[in-house]
Amino acid sequence: MTIPVQTDSVASLLEQILAVDKQILDALNATNMLLTKANTIAQETLDSSKRIEVLLGGGEEVSVPTMMKVVYKHVLSQKK
């Protein structure tokens, strides 16, 4: 980006503003894509958590520490 000087024409200044706006738009689009990806990952994690609850025989009232304890015990039992 160039620094505007007093002798720049209005058209030149408008082009510089447009260029900066395009950079901002590109950054916002990239941020939006990352947020969409993060949202998808969060939704997949929630869905996985719900499937784990069902597999453990619990419902929504089963706490995460309880689920982790059952999973941990299962993993330990598989190593023996």
Protein backbone atom coordinates (compact mmCIF):
# COMPACT_ATOMS: atom_id res chain seq x y z
CA MET A 1 0.00 0.00 0.00
CA THR A 2 1.32 3.39 -0.92
CA ILE A 3 1.14 6.41 1.32
CA PRO A 4 -1.05 9.11 -0.23
CA VAL A 5 0.59 12.46 -0.84
CA GLN A 6 -1.00 15.83 -1.41
CA THR A 7 -0.39 15.74 -5.15
CA ASP A 8 -2.23 12.44 -5.73
CA SER A 9 -5.33 12.66 -7.88
CA VAL A 10 -8.74 11.77 -6.55
CA ALA A 11 -8.81 8.76 -8.86
CA SER A 12 -5.48 7.56 -7.48
CA LEU A 13 -6.71 7.97 -3.90
CA LEU A 14 -9.92 6.10 -4.73
CA GLU A 15 -7.87 3.28 -6.27
CA GLN A 16 -5.80 3.07 -3.08
CA ILE A 17 -8.96 2.96 -0.96
CA LEU A 18 -10.39 0.26 -3.21
CA ALA A 19 -7.19 -1.79 -2.88
CA VAL A 20 -7.33 -1.55 0.92
CA ASP A 21 -11.01 -2.48 0.90
CA LYS A 22 -10.19 -5.54 -1.21
CA GLN A 23 -7.51 -6.59 1.30
CA ILE A 24 -10.01 -6.19 4.14
CA LEU A 25 -12.63 -8.19 2.22
CA ASP A 26 -10.11 -10.96 1.55
CA ALA A 27 -9.20 -11.08 5.24
CA LEU A 28 -12.87 -11.18 6.25
CA ASN A 29 -13.56 -13.99 3.77
CA ALA A 30 -10.62 -15.98 5.14
CA THR A 31 -11.86 -15.40 8.69
CA ASN A 32 -15.35 -16.49 7.68
CA MET A 33 -13.97 -19.69 6.16
CA LEU A 34 -12.03 -20.46 9.35
CA LEU A 35 -15.08 -19.79 11.52
CA THR A 36 -17.19 -22.04 9.32
CA LYS A 37 -14.60 -24.79 9.63
CA ALA A 38 -14.41 -24.33 13.41
CA ASN A 39 -18.20 -24.47 13.63
CA THR A 40 -18.24 -27.70 11.60
CA ILE A 41 -15.61 -29.25 13.88
CA ALA A 42 -17.54 -28.17 16.98
CA GLN A 43 -20.75 -29.69 15.58
CA GLU A 44 -18.96 -32.94 14.72
CA THR A 45 -17.50 -33.06 18.23
CA LEU A 46 -20.96 -32.56 19.74
CA ASP A 47 -22.40 -35.29 17.52
CA SER A 48 -19.57 -37.65 18.54
CA SER A 49 -20.19 -36.86 22.18
CA LYS A 50 -23.86 -37.72 21.80
CA ARG A 51 -22.97 -41.02 20.10
CA ILE A 52 -20.57 -41.84 22.95
CA GLU A 53 -23.33 -41.13 25.46
CA VAL A 54 -25.61 -43.59 23.65
CA LEU A 55 -22.85 -46.21 23.43
CA LEU A 56 -22.24 -45.91 27.16
CA GLY A 57 -25.90 -46.50 27.80
CA GLY A 58 -26.48 -43.06 29.20
CA GLY A 59 -28.50 -40.13 28.18
CA GLU A 60 -27.96 -36.44 28.40
CA GLU A 61 -27.65 -36.68 32.17
CA VAL A 62 -24.36 -38.63 31.88
CA SER A 63 -21.53 -36.28 32.74
CA VAL A 64 -18.39 -35.96 30.66
CA PRO A 65 -16.13 -37.08 33.56
CA THR A 66 -18.26 -40.21 33.94
CA MET A 67 -18.01 -40.92 30.23
CA MET A 68 -14.25 -40.36 30.28
CA LYS A 69 -13.89 -42.71 33.26
CA VAL A 70 -15.79 -45.48 31.43
CA VAL A 71 -13.79 -44.94 28.24
CA TYR A 72 -10.53 -44.93 30.22
CA LYS A 73 -11.44 -48.19 31.96
CA HIS A 74 -12.37 -49.70 28.59
CA VAL A 75 -9.04 -48.67 27.06
CA LEU A 76 -7.12 -50.08 30.04
CA SER A 77 -9.02 -53.36 29.84
CA GLN A 78 -8.14 -53.68 26.14
CA LYS A 79 -4.42 -53.34 26.87
CA LYS A 80 -4.34 -56.40 29.16
